[in-house]
PDB file of N, CA and C in Angstrom:
ATOM      1  N   MET A   1     -26.465  86.430-140.010  1.00  0.00           N
ATOM      2  CA  MET A   1     -25.195  86.955-140.385  1.00  0.00           C
ATOM      3  C   MET A   1     -24.534  85.990-140.872  1.00  0.00           C
ATOM      4  N   LEU A   2     -23.888  85.926-141.906  1.00  0.00           N
ATOM      5  CA  LEU A   2     -23.652  84.576-142.727  1.00  0.00           C
ATOM      6  C   LEU A   2     -22.030  85.467-143.141  1.00  0.00           C
ATOM      7  N   PHE A   3     -21.108  84.754-142.752  1.00  0.00           N
ATOM      8  CA  PHE A   3     -19.164  83.977-143.105  1.00  0.00           C
ATOM      9  C   PHE A   3     -19.443  83.566-143.815  1.00  0.00           C
ATOM     10  N   ASP A   4     -18.531  83.642-145.067  1.00  0.00           N
ATOM     11  CA  ASP A   4     -18.450  82.814-146.021  1.00  0.00           C
ATOM     12  C   ASP A   4     -16.904  82.858-146.455  1.00  0.00           C
ATOM     13  N   PHE A   5     -16.110  81.622-146.145  1.00  0.00           N
ATOM     14  CA  PHE A   5     -14.641  81.558-146.675  1.00  0.00           C
ATOM     15  C   PHE A   5     -14.444  80.840-147.564  1.00  0.00           C
ATOM     16  N   GLY A   6     -15.453  80.614-148.718  1.00  0.00           N
ATOM     17  CA  GLY A   6     -15.104  80.089-149.463  1.00  0.00           C
ATOM     18  C   GLY A   6     -15.087  78.754-149.460  1.00  0.00           C
ATOM     19  N   ASN A   7     -13.933  77.851-149.646  1.00  0.00           N
ATOM     20  CA  ASN A   7     -13.313  76.700-149.597  1.00  0.00           C
ATOM     21  C   ASN A   7     -12.426  76.419-148.358  1.00  0.00           C
ATOM     22  N   GLU A   8     -12.023  77.782-147.976  1.00  0.00           N
ATOM     23  CA  GLU A   8     -10.777  77.726-146.935  1.00  0.00           C
ATOM     24  C   GLU A   8     -10.838  77.219-145.222  1.00  0.00           C
ATOM     25  N   PHE A   9     -12.639  78.061-145.248  1.00  0.00           N
ATOM     26  CA  PHE A   9     -12.922  77.747-143.504  1.00  0.00           C
ATOM     27  C   PHE A   9     -14.416  77.542-143.863  1.00  0.00           C
ATOM     28  N   PRO A  10     -15.019  76.626-143.027  1.00  0.00           N
ATOM     29  CA  PRO A  10     -16.342  76.361-142.876  1.00  0.00           C
ATOM     30  C   PRO A  10     -17.300  77.573-142.720  1.00  0.00           C
ATOM     31  N   THR A  11     -18.574  77.298-144.035  1.00  0.00           N
ATOM     32  CA  THR A  11     -18.885  78.991-143.400  1.00  0.00           C
ATOM     33  C   THR A  11     -19.777  78.729-142.019  1.00  0.00           C
ATOM     34  N   LEU A  12     -19.744  80.021-141.372  1.00  0.00           N
ATOM     35  CA  LEU A  12     -20.373  80.525-140.057  1.00  0.00           C
ATOM     36  C   LEU A  12     -21.701  80.961-140.251  1.00  0.00           C
ATOM     37  N   ILE A  13     -22.469  81.123-139.531  1.00  0.00           N
ATOM     38  CA  ILE A  13     -24.065  81.746-139.068  1.00  0.00           C
ATOM     39  C   ILE A  13     -24.232  82.048-137.980  1.00  0.00           C
ATOM     40  N   ASP A  14     -24.219  83.304-137.805  1.00  0.00           N
ATOM     41  CA  ASP A  14     -24.493  84.142-136.865  1.00  0.00           C
ATOM     42  C   ASP A  14     -25.541  84.695-136.602  1.00  0.00           C
ATOM     43  N   PHE A  15     -26.341  84.715-135.817  1.00  0.00           N
ATOM     44  CA  PHE A  15     -27.907  84.287-135.260  1.00  0.00           C
ATOM     45  C   PHE A  15     -28.592  85.421-133.895  1.00  0.00           C
ATOM     46  N   GLY A  16     -28.698  86.536-134.568  1.00  0.00           N
ATOM     47  CA  GLY A  16     -29.551  87.286-132.700  1.00  0.00           C
ATOM     48  C   GLY A  16     -28.309  87.960-132.605  1.00  0.00           C
ATOM     49  N   ASN A  17     -27.506  88.245-133.197  1.00  0.00           N
ATOM     50  CA  ASN A  17     -26.432  89.664-132.394  1.00  0.00           C
ATOM     51  C   ASN A  17     -27.413  90.397-132.184  1.00  0.00           C
ATOM     52  N   LEU A  18     -28.096  91.456-133.108  1.00  0.00           N
ATOM     53  CA  LEU A  18     -28.204  92.551-132.764  1.00  0.00           C
ATOM     54  C   LEU A  18     -29.324  92.556-131.382  1.00  0.00           C
ATOM     55  N   ALA A  19     -30.376  91.524-131.561  1.00  0.00           N
ATOM     56  CA  ALA A  19     -31.086  90.958-130.334  1.00  0.00           C
ATOM     57  C   ALA A  19     -30.394  90.780-129.128  1.00  0.00           C
ATOM     58  N   ILE A  20     -29.330  90.391-129.001  1.00  0.00           N
ATOM     59  CA  ILE A  20     -28.031  89.782-127.864  1.00  0.00           C
ATOM     60  C   ILE A  20     -27.925  91.503-127.625  1.00  0.00           C
ATOM     61  N   ALA A  21     -27.774  92.217-127.905  1.00  0.00           N
ATOM     62  CA  ALA A  21     -27.584  93.522-128.291  1.00  0.00           C
ATOM     63  C   ALA A  21     -27.989  94.137-126.834  1.00  0.00           C
ATOM     64  N   GLU A  22     -29.680  93.887-127.614  1.00  0.00           N
ATOM     65  CA  GLU A  22     -30.683  94.714-127.426  1.00  0.00           C
ATOM     66  C   GLU A  22     -30.897  94.260-125.659  1.00  0.00           C
ATOM     67  N   VAL A  23     -30.830  93.027-125.842  1.00  0.00           N
ATOM     68  CA  VAL A  23     -30.992  92.105-123.879  1.00  0.00           C
ATOM     69  C   VAL A  23     -30.336  93.096-123.114  1.00  0.00           C
ATOM     70  N   ILE A  24     -28.924  92.817-123.486  1.00  0.00           N
ATOM     71  CA  ILE A  24     -27.946  93.501-122.517  1.00  0.00           C
ATOM     72  C   ILE A  24     -28.020  94.943-122.319  1.00  0.00           C
ATOM     73  N   ASN A  25     -28.336  95.815-123.272  1.00  0.00           N
ATOM     74  CA  ASN A  25     -28.287  97.534-123.760  1.00  0.00           C
ATOM     75  C   ASN A  25     -29.339  97.791-122.760  1.00  0.00           C
ATOM     76  N   SER A  26     -30.522  96.712-122.950  1.00  0.00           N
ATOM     77  CA  SER A  26     -32.127  97.279-122.063  1.00  0.00           C
ATOM     78  C   SER A  26     -31.920  96.550-120.936  1.00  0.00           C
ATOM     79  N   LYS A  27     -31.176  95.432-120.505  1.00  0.00           N
ATOM     80  CA  LYS A  27     -31.478  94.931-119.353  1.00  0.00           C
ATOM     81  C   LYS A  27     -32.326  94.044-119.328  1.00  0.00           C
ATOM     82  N   ARG A  28     -32.465  93.163-120.684  1.00  0.00           N
ATOM     83  CA  ARG A  28     -34.116  92.508-120.291  1.00  0.00           C
ATOM     84  C   ARG A  28     -33.797  91.388-120.143  1.00  0.00           C
ATOM     85  N   ILE A  29     -33.200  90.868-118.613  1.00  0.00           N
ATOM     86  CA  ILE A  29     -32.602  89.516-118.736  1.00  0.00           C
ATOM     87  C   ILE A  29     -34.288  88.516-118.323  1.00  0.00           C
ATOM     88  N   ASP A  30     -35.954  89.045-118.227  1.00  0.00           N
ATOM     89  CA  ASP A  30     -36.672  88.107-118.354  1.00  0.00           C
ATOM     90  C   ASP A  30     -36.921  87.972-119.898  1.00  0.00           C
ATOM     91  N   VAL A  31     -36.716  88.939-120.951  1.00  0.00           N
ATOM     92  CA  VAL A  31     -36.242  88.674-122.589  1.00  0.00           C
ATOM     93  C   VAL A  31     -35.561  87.581-122.693  1.00  0.00           C
ATOM     94  N   PHE A  32     -34.758  87.323-122.121  1.00  0.00           N
ATOM     95  CA  PHE A  32     -33.614  86.344-122.303  1.00  0.00           C
ATOM     96  C   PHE A  32     -33.755  85.247-121.797  1.00  0.00           C
ATOM     97  N   GLN A  33     -34.354  85.160-120.548  1.00  0.00           N
ATOM     98  CA  GLN A  33     -34.460  83.580-119.882  1.00  0.00           C
ATOM     99  C   GLN A  33     -35.719  83.115-120.968  1.00  0.00           C
ATOM    100  N   GLN A  34     -36.676  83.806-121.564  1.00  0.00           N
ATOM    101  CA  GLN A  34     -38.077  83.189-122.401  1.00  0.00           C
ATOM    102  C   GLN A  34     -36.941  82.590-123.552  1.00  0.00           C
ATOM    103  N   ALA A  35     -36.213  83.210-123.697  1.00  0.00           N
ATOM    104  CA  ALA A  35     -35.647  82.902-125.182  1.00  0.00           C
ATOM    105  C   ALA A  35     -34.334  81.193-124.802  1.00  0.00           C
ATOM    106  N   VAL A  36     -34.599  81.482-123.192  1.00  0.00           N
ATOM    107  CA  VAL A  36     -33.491  80.148-123.192  1.00  0.00           C
ATOM    108  C   VAL A  36     -34.204  79.021-122.362  1.00  0.00           C
ATOM    109  N   SER A  37     -35.608  79.475-122.521  1.00  0.00           N
ATOM    110  CA  SER A  37     -36.373  78.784-122.001  1.00  0.00           C
ATOM    111  C   SER A  37     -36.640  76.830-122.009  1.00  0.00           C
ATOM    112  N   GLN A  38     -36.227  76.937-123.436  1.00  0.00           N
ATOM    113  CA  GLN A  38     -36.793  74.967-124.127  1.00  0.00           C
ATOM    114  C   GLN A  38     -34.839  74.581-123.542  1.00  0.00           C
ATOM    115  N   LEU A  39     -33.793  75.012-123.331  1.00  0.00           N
ATOM    116  CA  LEU A  39     -32.864  74.635-123.078  1.00  0.00           C
ATOM    117  C   LEU A  39     -32.739  73.575-121.759  1.00  0.00           C
ATOM    118  N   ASP A  40     -31.879  73.424-121.634  1.00  0.00           N
ATOM    119  CA  ASP A  40     -31.665  72.286-120.337  1.00  0.00           C
ATOM    120  C   ASP A  40     -31.786  73.407-119.125  1.00  0.00           C
ATOM    121  N   LYS A  41     -31.896  72.962-117.654  1.00  0.00           N
ATOM    122  CA  LYS A  41     -32.103  73.689-116.512  1.00  0.00           C
ATOM    123  C   LYS A  41     -31.175  74.287-116.035  1.00  0.00           C
ATOM    124  N   PHE A  42     -29.776  73.525-116.354  1.00  0.00           N
ATOM    125  CA  PHE A  42     -28.977  73.532-115.851  1.00  0.00           C
ATOM    126  C   PHE A  42     -28.120  74.387-116.908  1.00  0.00           C
ATOM    127  N   LEU A  43     -28.197  74.580-118.316  1.00  0.00           N
ATOM    128  CA  LEU A  43     -27.219  75.626-118.775  1.00  0.00           C
ATOM    129  C   LEU A  43     -27.999  76.779-118.835  1.00  0.00           C
ATOM    130  N   GLN A  44     -29.827  76.919-118.494  1.00  0.00           N
ATOM    131  CA  GLN A  44     -30.641  77.609-118.590  1.00  0.00           C
ATOM    132  C   GLN A  44     -29.849  78.905-117.779  1.00  0.00           C
ATOM    133  N   LYS A  45     -29.479  78.099-116.608  1.00  0.00           N
ATOM    134  CA  LYS A  45     -29.243  78.746-115.198  1.00  0.00           C
ATOM    135  C   LYS A  45     -27.687  79.332-115.226  1.00  0.00           C
ATOM    136  N   ARG A  46     -26.755  78.786-115.585  1.00  0.00           N
ATOM    137  CA  ARG A  46     -25.028  78.761-116.132  1.00  0.00           C
ATOM    138  C   ARG A  46     -25.505  80.424-116.752  1.00  0.00           C
ATOM    139  N   ILE A  47     -26.055  80.219-118.498  1.00  0.00           N
ATOM    140  CA  ILE A  47     -26.378  81.420-119.065  1.00  0.00           C
ATOM    141  C   ILE A  47     -26.944  82.244-118.615  1.00  0.00           C
ATOM    142  N   VAL A  48     -27.865  82.183-117.923  1.00  0.00           N
ATOM    143  CA  VAL A  48     -28.661  83.770-117.538  1.00  0.00           C
ATOM    144  C   VAL A  48     -27.578  84.213-116.468  1.00  0.00           C
ATOM    145  N   ARG A  49     -27.064  83.201-115.418  1.00  0.00           N
ATOM    146  CA  ARG A  49     -25.974  83.994-114.311  1.00  0.00           C
ATOM    147  C   ARG A  49     -25.097  84.560-114.980  1.00  0.00           C
ATOM    148  N   ARG A  50     -24.696  84.050-116.519  1.00  0.00           N
ATOM    149  CA  ARG A  50     -23.543  85.354-116.915  1.00  0.00           C
ATOM    150  C   ARG A  50     -23.976  86.413-117.534  1.00  0.00           C
ATOM    151  N   LEU A  51     -25.450  86.001-118.056  1.00  0.00           N
ATOM    152  CA  LEU A  51     -25.923  87.772-118.331  1.00  0.00           C
ATOM    153  C   LEU A  51     -26.117  88.632-117.093  1.00  0.00           C
ATOM    154  N   ARG A  52     -26.531  88.356-116.108  1.00  0.00           N
ATOM    155  CA  ARG A  52     -26.463  88.821-114.680  1.00  0.00           C
ATOM    156  C   ARG A  52     -24.927  89.692-114.507  1.00  0.00           C
ATOM    157  N   PHE A  53     -24.594  88.592-114.705  1.00  0.00           N
ATOM    158  CA  PHE A  53     -22.982  89.134-114.303  1.00  0.00           C
ATOM    159  C   PHE A  53     -22.418  90.469-115.073  1.00  0.00           C
ATOM    160  N   ILE A  54     -22.722  90.463-116.420  1.00  0.00           N
ATOM    161  CA  ILE A  54     -22.573  91.557-117.902  1.00  0.00           C
ATOM    162  C   ILE A  54     -23.990  92.407-117.401  1.00  0.00           C
ATOM    163  N   ILE A  55     -24.984  92.311-117.204  1.00  0.00           N
ATOM    164  CA  ILE A  55     -25.957  93.720-116.437  1.00  0.00           C
ATOM    165  C   ILE A  55     -26.022  94.349-114.920  1.00  0.00           C
ATOM    166  N   GLU A  56     -25.388  93.562-114.654  1.00  0.00           N
ATOM    167  CA  GLU A  56     -24.922  94.194-113.309  1.00  0.00           C
ATOM    168  C   GLU A  56     -23.690  95.318-113.392  1.00  0.00           C
ATOM    169  N   ARG A  57     -22.567  94.748-113.946  1.00  0.00           N
ATOM    170  CA  ARG A  57     -21.832  95.394-114.531  1.00  0.00           C
ATOM    171  C   ARG A  57     -21.659  96.930-115.057  1.00  0.00           C
ATOM    172  N   ASP A  58     -22.933  96.584-115.886  1.00  0.00           N
ATOM    173  CA  ASP A  58     -23.615  98.032-116.553  1.00  0.00           C
ATOM    174  C   ASP A  58     -22.462  97.830-117.527  1.00  0.00           C
ATOM    175  N   ILE A  59     -22.482  97.057-118.305  1.00  0.00           N
ATOM    176  CA  ILE A  59     -21.552  96.446-119.706  1.00  0.00           C
ATOM    177  C   ILE A  59     -22.499  96.894-120.778  1.00  0.00           C
ATOM    178  N   LYS A  60     -21.869  97.820-121.408  1.00  0.00           N
ATOM    179  CA  LYS A  60     -22.515  97.394-122.835  1.00  0.00           C
ATOM    180  C   LYS A  60     -22.150  96.905-124.093  1.00  0.00           C
ATOM    181  N   CYS A  61     -22.772  96.329-124.688  1.00  0.00           N
ATOM    182  CA  CYS A  61     -22.696  95.755-126.044  1.00  0.00           C
ATOM    183  C   CYS A  61     -23.122  96.742-126.858  1.00  0.00           C
ATOM    184  N   VAL A  62     -22.237  96.222-127.934  1.00  0.00           N
ATOM    185  CA  VAL A  62     -22.332  96.822-128.961  1.00  0.00           C
ATOM    186  C   VAL A  62     -22.980  96.112-130.291  1.00  0.00           C
ATOM    187  N   ALA A  63     -23.525  95.905-131.142  1.00  0.00           N
ATOM    188  CA  ALA A  63     -24.043  94.812-132.361  1.00  0.00           C
ATOM    189  C   ALA A  63     -23.105  95.415-133.462  1.00  0.00           C
ATOM    190  N   LEU A  64     -22.785  94.150-134.424  1.00  0.00           N
ATOM    191  CA  LEU A  64     -21.935  94.216-135.280  1.00  0.00           C
ATOM    192  C   LEU A  64     -22.618  94.825-135.998  1.00  0.00           C
ATOM    193  N   THR A  65     -21.812  95.793-137.567  1.00  0.00           N
ATOM    194  CA  THR A  65     -22.936  96.461-138.480  1.00  0.00           C
ATOM    195  C   THR A  65     -22.075  96.578-139.745  1.00  0.00           C
ATOM    196  N   LYS A  66     -22.501  96.583-141.031  1.00  0.00           N
ATOM    197  CA  LYS A  66     -21.787  96.479-142.029  1.00  0.00           C
ATOM    198  C   LYS A  66     -20.393  97.250-141.518  1.00  0.00           C
ATOM    199  N   PHE A  67     -20.311  98.006-141.114  1.00  0.00           N
ATOM    200  CA  PHE A  67     -18.902  98.889-141.063  1.00  0.00           C
ATOM    201  C   PHE A  67     -17.747  98.204-140.170  1.00  0.00           C
ATOM    202  N   ILE A  68     -18.470  97.211-139.124  1.00  0.00           N
ATOM    203  CA  ILE A  68     -17.414  96.611-138.209  1.00  0.00           C
ATOM    204  C   ILE A  68     -17.043  95.579-139.023  1.00  0.00           C
ATOM    205  N   VAL A  69     -17.608  94.292-139.605  1.00  0.00           N
ATOM    206  CA  VAL A  69     -17.792  93.279-140.003  1.00  0.00           C
ATOM    207  C   VAL A  69     -16.623  92.811-141.235  1.00  0.00           C
ATOM    208  N   PRO A  70     -16.603  93.770-142.090  1.00  0.00           N
ATOM    209  CA  PRO A  70     -15.704  94.115-142.842  1.00  0.00           C
ATOM    210  C   PRO A  70     -14.045  94.101-142.266  1.00  0.00           C
ATOM    211  N   ASN A  71     -13.927  95.171-141.519  1.00  0.00           N
ATOM    212  CA  ASN A  71     -13.087  95.283-140.859  1.00  0.00           C
ATOM    213  C   ASN A  71     -12.076  93.696-139.897  1.00  0.00           C
ATOM    214  N   GLY A  72     -13.410  93.618-139.642  1.00  0.00           N
ATOM    215  CA  GLY A  72     -13.505  91.939-138.733  1.00  0.00           C
ATOM    216  C   GLY A  72     -12.484  91.168-139.333  1.00  0.00           C
ATOM    217  N   LEU A  73     -13.184  90.506-140.299  1.00  0.00           N
ATOM    218  CA  LEU A  73     -12.495  90.009-141.591  1.00  0.00           C
ATOM    219  C   LEU A  73     -11.544  90.289-142.050  1.00  0.00           C
ATOM    220  N   ASP A  74     -11.513  91.383-142.658  1.00  0.00           N
ATOM    221  CA  ASP A  74     -10.156  92.004-143.371  1.00  0.00           C
ATOM    222  C   ASP A  74      -8.854  91.542-141.813  1.00  0.00           C
ATOM    223  N   LEU A  75      -9.096  91.862-140.635  1.00  0.00           N
ATOM    224  CA  LEU A  75      -8.168  91.292-139.741  1.00  0.00           C
ATOM    225  C   LEU A  75      -7.791  90.007-139.585  1.00  0.00           C
ATOM    226  N   PHE A  76      -9.366  88.747-139.414  1.00  0.00           N
ATOM    227  CA  PHE A  76      -8.998  87.705-139.553  1.00  0.00           C
ATOM    228  C   PHE A  76      -8.050  87.344-140.823  1.00  0.00           C
ATOM    229  N   ALA A  77      -8.299  87.328-142.002  1.00  0.00           N
ATOM    230  CA  ALA A  77      -7.274  86.995-143.335  1.00  0.00           C
ATOM    231  C   ALA A  77      -5.955  87.461-143.096  1.00  0.00           C
ATOM    232  N   ARG A  78      -6.087  88.668-141.902  1.00  0.00           N
ATOM    233  CA  ARG A  78      -3.985  88.943-142.084  1.00  0.00           C
ATOM    234  C   ARG A  78      -3.580  88.239-140.755  1.00  0.00           C
ATOM    235  N   PHE A  79      -4.527  87.662-140.103  1.00  0.00           N
ATOM    236  CA  PHE A  79      -3.974  87.179-139.030  1.00  0.00           C
ATOM    237  C   PHE A  79      -3.882  85.259-139.693  1.00  0.00           C
ATOM    238  N   VAL A  80      -4.539  85.047-140.232  1.00  0.00           N
ATOM    239  CA  VAL A  80      -4.426  83.830-140.551  1.00  0.00           C
ATOM    240  C   VAL A  80      -3.540  83.649-141.599  1.00  0.00           C
ATOM    241  N   GLU A  81      -2.862  85.001-142.237  1.00  0.00           N
ATOM    242  CA  GLU A  81      -1.643  84.340-142.923  1.00  0.00           C
ATOM    243  C   GLU A  81      -0.131  84.083-142.445  1.00  0.00           C
ATOM    244  N   GLU A  82      -0.172  84.399-141.169  1.00  0.00           N
ATOM    245  CA  GLU A  82       0.806  84.486-139.988  1.00  0.00           C
ATOM    246  C   GLU A  82       0.460  83.110-138.930  1.00  0.00           C
ATOM    247  N   HIS A  83      -0.689  82.650-138.742  1.00  0.00           N
ATOM    248  CA  HIS A  83      -0.853  81.700-137.719  1.00  0.00           C
ATOM    249  C   HIS A  83      -2.059  80.991-137.984  1.00  0.00           C
ATOM    250  N   ASN A  84      -2.642  79.851-137.230  1.00  0.00           N
ATOM    251  CA  ASN A  84      -3.420  79.419-137.508  1.00  0.00           C
ATOM    252  C   ASN A  84      -4.620  79.545-136.191  1.00  0.00           C
ATOM    253  N   PRO A  85      -5.694  79.742-136.822  1.00  0.00           N
ATOM    254  CA  PRO A  85      -6.645  80.400-136.368  1.00  0.00           C
ATOM    255  C   PRO A  85      -7.122  79.193-135.195  1.00  0.00           C
ATOM    256  N   LYS A  86      -8.024  79.623-133.931  1.00  0.00           N
ATOM    257  CA  LYS A  86      -8.360  78.245-132.783  1.00  0.00           C
ATOM    258  C   LYS A  86      -8.849  77.299-133.417  1.00  0.00           C
ATOM    259  N   GLU A  87      -9.027  75.534-132.694  1.00  0.00           N
ATOM    260  CA  GLU A  87      -9.756  74.441-133.356  1.00  0.00           C
ATOM    261  C   GLU A  87     -10.952  75.076-133.696  1.00  0.00           C
ATOM    262  N   ASN A  88     -11.960  75.849-132.453  1.00  0.00           N
ATOM    263  CA  ASN A  88     -13.201  76.008-132.760  1.00  0.00           C
ATOM    264  C   ASN A  88     -12.826  77.827-133.762  1.00  0.00           C
ATOM    265  N   LEU A  89     -13.150  77.589-134.832  1.00  0.00           N
ATOM    266  CA  LEU A  89     -12.595  78.521-136.095  1.00  0.00           C
ATOM    267  C   LEU A  89     -13.895  80.240-134.993  1.00  0.00           C
ATOM    268  N   ARG A  90     -14.912  79.345-134.334  1.00  0.00           N
ATOM    269  CA  ARG A  90     -15.820  80.846-134.463  1.00  0.00           C
ATOM    270  C   ARG A  90     -15.284  81.440-133.599  1.00  0.00           C
ATOM    271  N   ASN A  91     -14.477  80.988-132.408  1.00  0.00           N
ATOM    272  CA  ASN A  91     -13.914  81.511-131.564  1.00  0.00           C
ATOM    273  C   ASN A  91     -12.521  82.890-131.980  1.00  0.00           C
ATOM    274  N   SER A  92     -11.955  82.321-133.103  1.00  0.00           N
ATOM    275  CA  SER A  92     -11.464  83.421-134.036  1.00  0.00           C
ATOM    276  C   SER A  92     -11.554  84.222-134.503  1.00  0.00           C
ATOM    277  N   ILE A  93     -12.950  83.935-135.255  1.00  0.00           N
ATOM    278  CA  ILE A  93     -13.590  85.112-135.992  1.00  0.00           C
ATOM    279  C   ILE A  93     -14.302  85.741-134.905  1.00  0.00           C
ATOM    280  N   ASN A  94     -14.708  85.464-133.848  1.00  0.00           N
ATOM    281  CA  ASN A  94     -15.498  86.649-132.462  1.00  0.00           C
ATOM    282  C   ASN A  94     -14.453  87.393-131.801  1.00  0.00           C
ATOM    283  N   ASP A  95     -12.828  86.493-131.888  1.00  0.00           N
ATOM    284  CA  ASP A  95     -12.429  87.511-130.960  1.00  0.00           C
ATOM    285  C   ASP A  95     -11.931  88.367-132.645  1.00  0.00           C
ATOM    286  N   MET A  96     -11.810  88.841-133.267  1.00  0.00           N
ATOM    287  CA  MET A  96     -11.423  89.798-134.571  1.00  0.00           C
ATOM    288  C   MET A  96     -12.921  90.509-134.524  1.00  0.00           C
ATOM    289  N   MET A  97     -14.062  89.899-134.586  1.00  0.00           N
ATOM    290  CA  MET A  97     -14.981  91.060-134.394  1.00  0.00           C
ATOM    291  C   MET A  97     -14.739  91.829-133.025  1.00  0.00           C
ATOM    292  N   ILE A  98     -14.772  91.494-131.983  1.00  0.00           N
ATOM    293  CA  ILE A  98     -13.943  92.230-130.696  1.00  0.00           C
ATOM    294  C   ILE A  98     -13.476  93.145-130.833  1.00  0.00           C
ATOM    295  N   LEU A  99     -12.293  93.127-131.784  1.00  0.00           N
ATOM    296  CA  LEU A  99     -10.781  93.429-132.107  1.00  0.00           C
ATOM    297  C   LEU A  99     -11.692  94.814-132.970  1.00  0.00           C
ATOM    298  N   ALA A 100     -12.408  94.445-134.028  1.00  0.00           N
ATOM    299  CA  ALA A 100     -12.767  95.444-135.053  1.00  0.00           C
ATOM    300  C   ALA A 100     -13.970  96.236-134.287  1.00  0.00           C
ATOM    301  N   THR A 101     -14.344  96.122-133.747  1.00  0.00           N
ATOM    302  CA  THR A 101     -15.246  96.541-132.741  1.00  0.00           C
ATOM    303  C   THR A 101     -14.938  97.268-132.226  1.00  0.00           C
ATOM    304  N   ALA A 102     -13.556  97.300-131.475  1.00  0.00           N
ATOM    305  CA  ALA A 102     -12.769  98.694-130.034  1.00  0.00           C
ATOM    306  C   ALA A 102     -12.332  99.584-131.014  1.00  0.00           C
ATOM    307  N   ILE A 103     -11.899  98.894-132.377  1.00  0.00           N
ATOM    308  CA  ILE A 103     -11.453  99.516-133.342  1.00  0.00           C
ATOM    309  C   ILE A 103     -12.586 101.362-134.050  1.00  0.00           C
ATOM    310  N   ASN A 104     -13.091 100.415-134.489  1.00  0.00           N
ATOM    311  CA  ASN A 104     -14.344 100.870-134.888  1.00  0.00           C
ATOM    312  C   ASN A 104     -14.993 102.088-133.956  1.00  0.00           C
ATOM    313  N   GLU A 105     -15.319 101.558-132.544  1.00  0.00           N
ATOM    314  CA  GLU A 105     -15.887 102.294-131.723  1.00  0.00           C
ATOM    315  C   GLU A 105     -14.696 103.517-131.011  1.00  0.00           C
ATOM    316  N   ASN A 106     -13.190 103.188-131.403  1.00  0.00           N
ATOM    317  CA  ASN A 106     -12.610 103.980-130.781  1.00  0.00           C
ATOM    318  C   ASN A 106     -12.006 103.906-129.162  1.00  0.00           C
ATOM    319  N   HIS A 107     -12.619 102.482-128.897  1.00  0.00           N
ATOM    320  CA  HIS A 107     -12.400 101.784-127.438  1.00  0.00           C
ATOM    321  C   HIS A 107     -10.956 100.881-127.330  1.00  0.00           C
ATOM    322  N   ASP A 108     -10.568 101.081-125.862  1.00  0.00           N
ATOM    323  CA  ASP A 108      -9.804 100.547-125.067  1.00  0.00           C
ATOM    324  C   ASP A 108      -9.844  98.808-125.468  1.00  0.00           C
ATOM    325  N   LEU A 109      -9.369  97.438-126.414  1.00  0.00           N
ATOM    326  CA  LEU A 109      -9.490  96.740-125.619  1.00  0.00           C
ATOM    327  C   LEU A 109      -9.167  95.823-124.431  1.00  0.00           C
TER     328      LEU A 109
END
């Protein structure tokens, strides 16, 4: 997924949101472990531990869709009219996508 903000903010590329949602929802830790097997061992253990935390609590993941993303980008545009985004822009975009997902799915945030 490509987030292009023109010249206002750097372009962001999101890889694998559908795959990560599938791994979480199907509880396929083995697939995730294979995907991260080339990373530093410490980092592998850390992120697999985080995935286990999510899976053990039966948390479900909703992947971004063509309905959620425009709403998230609209929320982001409205947000930056009055506030500065976080230093790491991806964190602000992620926050808006989470909010848009909650709105779209009619869930509490």
